[in-house]
Every structure is written in C-alpha cells, then in structure tokens.
Amino acid sequence: MKIGVISDTHVGRISELPDSLINSLKGMDMVVHLGDFHSADLVNDLKEITDFRGVAGNHDSHIPGLPEKDLVEVGSKRIGIIHGHGCVFPFGFKWGLLTQFDGKIDAILYGHTHSARNKIEDGTLFFNPGSVMGRFPAMHRSYGVLNIGDEISSEIITIETKRYYYLHKYINLASKAISYCCGLNGRPDSYI
C-alpha cells in the first residue's frame, strides 16, 4: 500500500495546494492528513481523491468529524496518526507521542512542528512530512510517502525550497533552540 502523508496545509481548498502534490496524491492508495487543514472544504476535497484518513490539528476545532488521533492498520503494521499538539509535557515530544497509542506501534505520523522528520527510534518510525505550504519554521514545502508491505519504507518529498537561503541557518538554529527549551528532546543538537 502506498500512502501520501500531508500536514499543516493551512489552506481552504485543494486548488490552493501545489499541482505536483495533487497529482502525486491521486496515485496513492490512501491520503493521510495530520491536521491544520483550516477548512472543512479541504477535508471534503481530499476525500474525493482516494481513501482518506485525517486528524484534527490545533487549528481545526471548527471542522466536525475529525478525531484527535487515529490508528491505521495495514496488514500487520500499526500506524498511529496524530497532529501532535499537547504531546510535549512532561517528558518530551517522543514520549508524548508514544503514550497516545496502546500496544506496539510500527510508525507514528505527526505534524504540528512544520519540521520534516523521518527516523526510526527503538523500532518505531517517527514520521513528520513537514509543512505542505512551507510555514515557519519549515525550510521547504514538503510531503511524505509511505510504502507498506512486509516493511515500511518512508520518504520526504521536497516540493520547493524557500528562496531566502541566507536565513535557513538562523531559522534552523532558532527551531532547534525552541524545541530544546520546550522539552521536545534531550539534546540541543537534534529534535523530533
């Protein structure tokens, strides 16, 4: 199964998303949106493309029918989906995400931070596709693709890199500092 993973779109309609993304999503078996849609119209638009799963973000309280978290099971693989807001305290973001789901989880898909992440830790894939629209502190517009079979393979697809390259170093440093200060990790040199 091939799953397109998007998050933090912050737009009203699918027509506001990049054409390359829409074309890619049409070829997927499922689309998962990890929250911060901003519009029920976008939810409905995505449902028309292919099989759809989505969760509410911290900007989606006005959209009915979106759960706070969900579990997608593909074969023997258990994939938790959540936006991620409210998962930081008291012991950090990784712990907060893991405590949202019962039992063994093969992958946790989350958004909220706008920072792409594709890393396996302690046997669980932590996957954040970044922000489709490149909202701060994202360094680029991106989405993710999961291929699920006997194993899960994952990839972050960059749509467009931001044009103000000279700021990337400072935005990246500020993002890491914020993540560290908010307890998102234990080290200032890496963040989830």
Protein backbone atom coordinates (compact mmCIF):
# COMPACT_ATOMS: atom_id res chain seq x y z
CA MET A 1 0.00 0.00 0.00
CA LYS A 2 1.22 3.47 -0.89
CA ILE A 3 0.16 6.29 1.43
CA GLY A 4 0.57 10.01 0.80
CA VAL A 5 1.13 11.89 4.05
CA ILE A 6 0.50 15.62 4.35
CA SER A 7 0.21 18.05 7.21
CA ASP A 8 -0.13 21.70 8.11
CA THR A 9 -1.66 22.77 4.83
CA HIS A 10 -3.33 25.85 6.38
CA VAL A 11 -5.46 26.46 3.27
CA GLY A 12 -9.16 26.45 2.43
CA ARG A 13 -9.36 24.39 -0.77
CA ILE A 14 -7.35 21.76 -2.60
CA SER A 15 -6.87 24.20 -5.51
CA GLU A 16 -4.50 26.19 -3.24
CA LEU A 17 -2.13 23.23 -2.93
CA PRO A 18 0.74 22.69 -5.40
CA ASP A 19 -0.32 20.87 -8.60
CA SER A 20 2.59 18.44 -8.28
CA LEU A 21 1.31 17.38 -4.85
CA ILE A 22 -2.27 16.90 -6.04
CA ASN A 23 -1.11 14.78 -8.99
CA SER A 24 1.03 12.65 -6.68
CA LEU A 25 -1.81 12.13 -4.18
CA LYS A 26 -4.11 10.92 -6.96
CA GLY A 27 -1.75 7.97 -7.47
CA MET A 28 -1.83 6.91 -3.81
CA ASP A 29 -3.91 4.14 -2.23
CA MET A 30 -4.61 6.40 0.74
CA VAL A 31 -4.08 10.01 1.80
CA VAL A 32 -3.43 10.81 5.45
CA HIS A 33 -3.68 14.42 6.62
CA LEU A 34 -2.15 15.10 10.03
CA GLY A 35 -4.08 18.24 10.89
CA ASP A 36 -4.23 22.00 10.49
CA PHE A 37 -6.44 21.86 7.43
CA HIS A 38 -8.15 25.19 8.21
CA SER A 39 -11.28 24.27 6.24
CA ALA A 40 -13.93 21.55 6.03
CA ASP A 41 -13.87 22.15 2.27
CA LEU A 42 -10.30 20.86 2.10
CA VAL A 43 -11.30 17.74 4.05
CA ASN A 44 -14.10 17.08 1.55
CA ASP A 45 -11.80 17.78 -1.43
CA LEU A 46 -9.25 15.24 -0.16
CA LYS A 47 -11.97 12.61 0.35
CA GLU A 48 -12.74 12.82 -3.37
CA ILE A 49 -9.16 11.89 -4.39
CA THR A 50 -8.76 8.45 -2.77
CA ASP A 51 -9.24 6.65 0.54
CA PHE A 52 -8.79 9.33 3.21
CA ARG A 53 -7.86 9.44 6.89
CA GLY A 54 -7.28 12.61 8.86
CA VAL A 55 -6.99 14.00 12.36
CA ALA A 56 -7.73 17.41 13.84
CA GLY A 57 -4.93 19.88 14.42
CA ASN A 58 -4.91 22.76 16.85
CA HIS A 59 -6.49 25.00 14.17
CA ASP A 60 -9.31 22.58 13.28
CA SER A 61 -11.79 22.71 16.17
CA HIS A 62 -14.43 24.16 13.83
CA ILE A 63 -14.28 21.11 11.50
CA PRO A 64 -16.72 18.37 12.56
CA GLY A 65 -15.92 14.67 12.39
CA LEU A 66 -12.13 14.76 12.74
CA PRO A 67 -10.72 12.63 15.59
CA GLU A 68 -7.81 13.81 17.75
CA LYS A 69 -5.91 10.63 16.85
CA ASP A 70 -6.47 7.50 14.79
CA LEU A 71 -4.92 4.12 14.15
CA VAL A 72 -4.40 2.77 10.63
CA GLU A 73 -3.72 -0.95 10.33
CA VAL A 74 -2.22 -2.24 7.09
CA GLY A 75 -1.54 -5.96 7.24
CA SER A 76 0.43 -6.50 10.44
CA LYS A 77 1.59 -2.87 10.62
CA ARG A 78 0.03 -0.48 13.16
CA ILE A 79 0.36 3.20 12.29
CA GLY A 80 -0.69 5.89 14.75
CA ILE A 81 -1.75 9.24 13.32
CA ILE A 82 -1.96 12.40 15.40
CA HIS A 83 -1.33 16.11 14.93
CA GLY A 84 0.94 16.29 17.96
CA HIS A 85 -0.12 19.45 19.77
CA GLY A 86 -0.26 18.87 23.51
CA CYS A 87 2.18 15.94 23.40
CA VAL A 88 5.25 17.71 24.77
CA PHE A 89 4.95 17.74 28.54
CA PRO A 90 6.08 16.43 30.95
CA PHE A 91 8.85 14.28 29.41
CA GLY A 92 9.28 15.49 25.83
CA PHE A 93 7.68 15.06 22.44
CA LYS A 94 8.78 11.49 21.69
CA TRP A 95 7.39 10.25 25.00
CA GLY A 96 4.22 12.29 24.46
CA LEU A 97 3.62 10.73 21.05
CA LEU A 98 4.28 7.18 22.24
CA THR A 99 1.85 7.48 25.15
CA GLN A 100 -1.04 8.35 22.82
CA PHE A 101 -1.32 4.80 21.45
CA ASP A 102 -1.76 1.43 23.16
CA GLY A 103 0.39 -1.54 22.27
CA LYS A 104 3.22 -1.80 19.78
CA ILE A 105 3.19 0.92 17.16
CA ASP A 106 5.26 0.48 13.99
CA ALA A 107 5.02 4.14 12.97
CA ILE A 108 3.73 7.40 14.38
CA LEU A 109 2.78 10.01 11.81
CA TYR A 110 2.51 13.51 13.22
CA GLY A 111 2.62 17.15 12.18
CA HIS A 112 2.37 20.41 14.14
CA THR A 113 6.09 21.29 14.22
CA HIS A 114 6.32 22.02 10.46
CA SER A 115 9.73 20.30 10.59
CA ALA A 116 10.16 17.18 8.47
CA ARG A 117 11.36 14.07 10.29
CA ASN A 118 11.91 10.54 9.05
CA LYS A 119 13.66 8.48 11.70
CA ILE A 120 13.31 5.08 13.34
CA GLU A 121 13.91 5.09 17.08
CA ASP A 122 13.57 2.00 19.26
CA GLY A 123 11.77 0.16 16.46
CA THR A 124 9.17 2.89 15.80
CA LEU A 125 9.20 5.18 12.76
CA PHE A 126 8.64 8.82 13.75
CA PHE A 127 7.44 10.50 10.57
CA ASN A 128 6.57 14.16 10.09
CA PRO A 129 6.11 15.21 6.45
CA GLY A 130 6.76 18.88 7.26
CA SER A 131 4.51 21.65 6.02
CA VAL A 132 3.00 21.42 2.55
CA MET A 133 2.89 25.20 2.39
CA GLY A 134 6.30 25.75 3.96
CA ARG A 135 5.03 27.54 7.06
CA PHE A 136 7.68 28.68 9.57
CA PRO A 137 9.97 27.10 10.72
CA ALA A 138 9.88 24.77 7.69
CA MET A 139 12.88 25.07 5.40
CA HIS A 140 10.87 23.88 2.39
CA ARG A 141 7.45 22.78 1.23
CA SER A 142 7.20 19.03 1.62
CA TYR A 143 5.04 15.95 1.98
CA GLY A 144 5.69 12.28 2.70
CA VAL A 145 5.18 8.89 1.09
CA LEU A 146 4.95 5.58 2.94
CA ASN A 147 5.18 2.22 1.18
CA ILE A 148 3.82 -0.53 3.37
CA GLY A 149 4.41 -4.19 2.76
CA ASP A 150 6.38 -6.59 4.95
CA GLU A 151 8.34 -3.49 5.99
CA ILE A 152 7.58 0.24 5.98
CA SER A 153 9.69 2.45 3.76
CA SER A 154 9.30 6.20 4.05
CA GLU A 155 10.39 9.25 2.12
CA ILE A 156 10.11 13.02 2.46
CA ILE A 157 9.42 14.72 -0.88
CA THR A 158 10.54 18.34 -1.23
CA ILE A 159 8.20 20.39 -3.37
CA GLU A 160 10.07 23.68 -3.24
CA THR A 161 12.91 25.11 -1.16
CA LYS A 162 12.35 28.56 0.26
CA ARG A 163 14.06 31.37 -1.55
CA TYR A 164 15.67 33.14 1.40
CA TYR A 165 18.57 30.73 1.75
CA TYR A 166 20.68 33.01 3.94
CA LEU A 167 18.05 32.78 6.68
CA HIS A 168 17.95 28.98 6.77
CA LYS A 169 20.90 28.73 9.13
CA TYR A 170 19.25 31.09 11.62
CA ILE A 171 15.77 29.59 11.30
CA ASN A 172 17.20 26.11 11.82
CA LEU A 173 19.12 27.26 14.90
CA ALA A 174 16.03 29.02 16.32
CA SER A 175 13.90 25.93 15.65
CA LYS A 176 16.37 23.70 17.50
CA ALA A 177 16.57 26.13 20.42
CA ILE A 178 12.76 26.31 20.70
CA SER A 179 12.48 22.53 20.50
CA TYR A 180 15.10 22.09 23.21
CA CYS A 181 13.58 24.71 25.52
CA CYS A 182 10.09 23.20 25.14
CA GLY A 183 11.32 19.74 26.08
CA LEU A 184 10.97 18.24 22.61
CA ASN A 185 14.21 16.37 23.15
CA GLY A 186 17.07 15.87 25.50
CA ARG A 187 19.82 17.38 23.35
CA PRO A 188 20.07 20.80 21.74
CA ASP A 189 21.60 19.35 18.55
CA SER A 190 18.65 17.20 17.43
CA TYR A 191 14.92 17.49 17.63
CA ILE A 192 11.85 15.47 16.83
